[in-house]
Protein backbone atom coordinates (compact mmCIF):
# COMPACT_ATOMS: atom_id res chain seq x y z
CA MET A 1 -24.63 21.26 -39.57
CA SER A 2 -26.15 21.94 -36.16
CA ASN A 3 -29.40 20.29 -37.23
CA THR A 4 -27.52 17.11 -38.09
CA LYS A 5 -25.79 17.08 -34.70
CA GLU A 6 -29.10 17.69 -32.91
CA THR A 7 -30.71 14.88 -34.88
CA ASP A 8 -27.81 12.53 -34.12
CA ASP A 9 -28.05 13.42 -30.42
CA ARG A 10 -31.78 12.71 -30.44
CA PHE A 11 -31.26 9.34 -32.10
CA ARG A 12 -28.56 8.46 -29.56
CA TRP A 13 -30.88 9.48 -26.73
CA ILE A 14 -33.70 7.33 -28.17
CA GLU A 15 -31.35 4.36 -28.60
CA GLU A 16 -30.21 4.74 -24.97
CA MET A 17 -33.82 4.92 -23.77
CA ILE A 18 -34.66 1.74 -25.68
CA ALA A 19 -31.56 -0.06 -24.38
CA ASN A 20 -32.31 0.91 -20.76
CA SER A 21 -36.01 0.04 -20.77
CA PRO A 22 -37.12 -3.60 -20.94
CA TYR A 23 -40.56 -2.51 -22.15
CA LEU A 24 -39.16 -0.35 -24.96
CA SER A 25 -36.63 -3.06 -25.83
CA SER A 26 -39.42 -5.61 -26.22
CA LEU A 27 -41.43 -3.17 -28.36
CA ASP A 28 -38.34 -2.57 -30.49
CA ALA A 29 -37.86 -6.32 -30.97
CA ILE A 30 -41.53 -6.75 -31.90
CA GLY A 31 -41.26 -3.87 -34.37
CA LYS A 32 -38.19 -5.42 -36.00
CA ARG A 33 -39.94 -8.80 -36.33
CA ASN A 34 -43.04 -7.14 -37.78
CA ALA A 35 -40.88 -5.23 -40.26
CA ALA A 36 -39.22 -8.49 -41.33
CA VAL A 37 -42.61 -10.17 -41.80
CA LEU A 38 -43.98 -7.24 -43.79
CA ASN A 39 -40.86 -7.18 -45.95
CA SER A 40 -41.26 -10.90 -46.64
CA ILE A 41 -44.93 -10.41 -47.57
CA ALA A 42 -44.02 -7.55 -49.92
CA GLU A 43 -41.32 -9.63 -51.62
CA SER A 44 -43.76 -12.53 -52.03
CA ALA A 45 -46.37 -10.21 -53.51
CA LEU A 46 -43.84 -8.91 -56.03
CA ARG A 47 -42.85 -12.46 -57.00
CA PHE A 48 -46.53 -13.44 -57.33
CA ASP A 49 -47.18 -10.39 -59.52
CA GLU A 50 -44.25 -11.35 -61.74
CA ILE A 51 -45.53 -14.93 -62.07
CA VAL A 52 -49.05 -13.74 -62.90
CA SER A 53 -47.70 -11.25 -65.45
CA ARG A 54 -45.72 -13.99 -67.17
CA ALA A 55 -48.75 -16.28 -67.18
CA MET A 56 -50.94 -13.54 -68.62
CA ASP A 57 -48.33 -12.79 -71.31
CA LYS A 58 -48.13 -16.48 -72.17
CA HIS A 59 -51.92 -16.77 -72.21
CA GLY A 60 -52.11 -13.74 -74.51
CA ASP A 61 -49.56 -15.32 -76.85
CA LEU A 62 -51.63 -18.52 -76.96
CA SER A 63 -54.79 -16.55 -77.73
CA ASP A 64 -53.03 -14.82 -80.63
CA GLU A 65 -51.90 -18.20 -82.02
CA ARG A 66 -55.44 -19.60 -81.78
CA ARG A 67 -56.83 -16.62 -83.67
CA ARG A 68 -54.29 -17.15 -86.44
CA ASP A 69 -55.21 -20.84 -86.65
CA ASP A 70 -58.93 -20.05 -86.97
């Protein structure tokens, strides 16, 4: 339990340092914006992968139908 309290105290200290320092506050804001942008890029990549997978599955189905017709 003492490790948890020490960790909580450290996080509180870090949060206070960020809140009291304009420089650290601006870095924190930049970090949060960057995290949001990276999250958006990751979500878009997952959606793109899903679209490509569906297209490849559909293309594979069409190829199978063409082979049967030949």
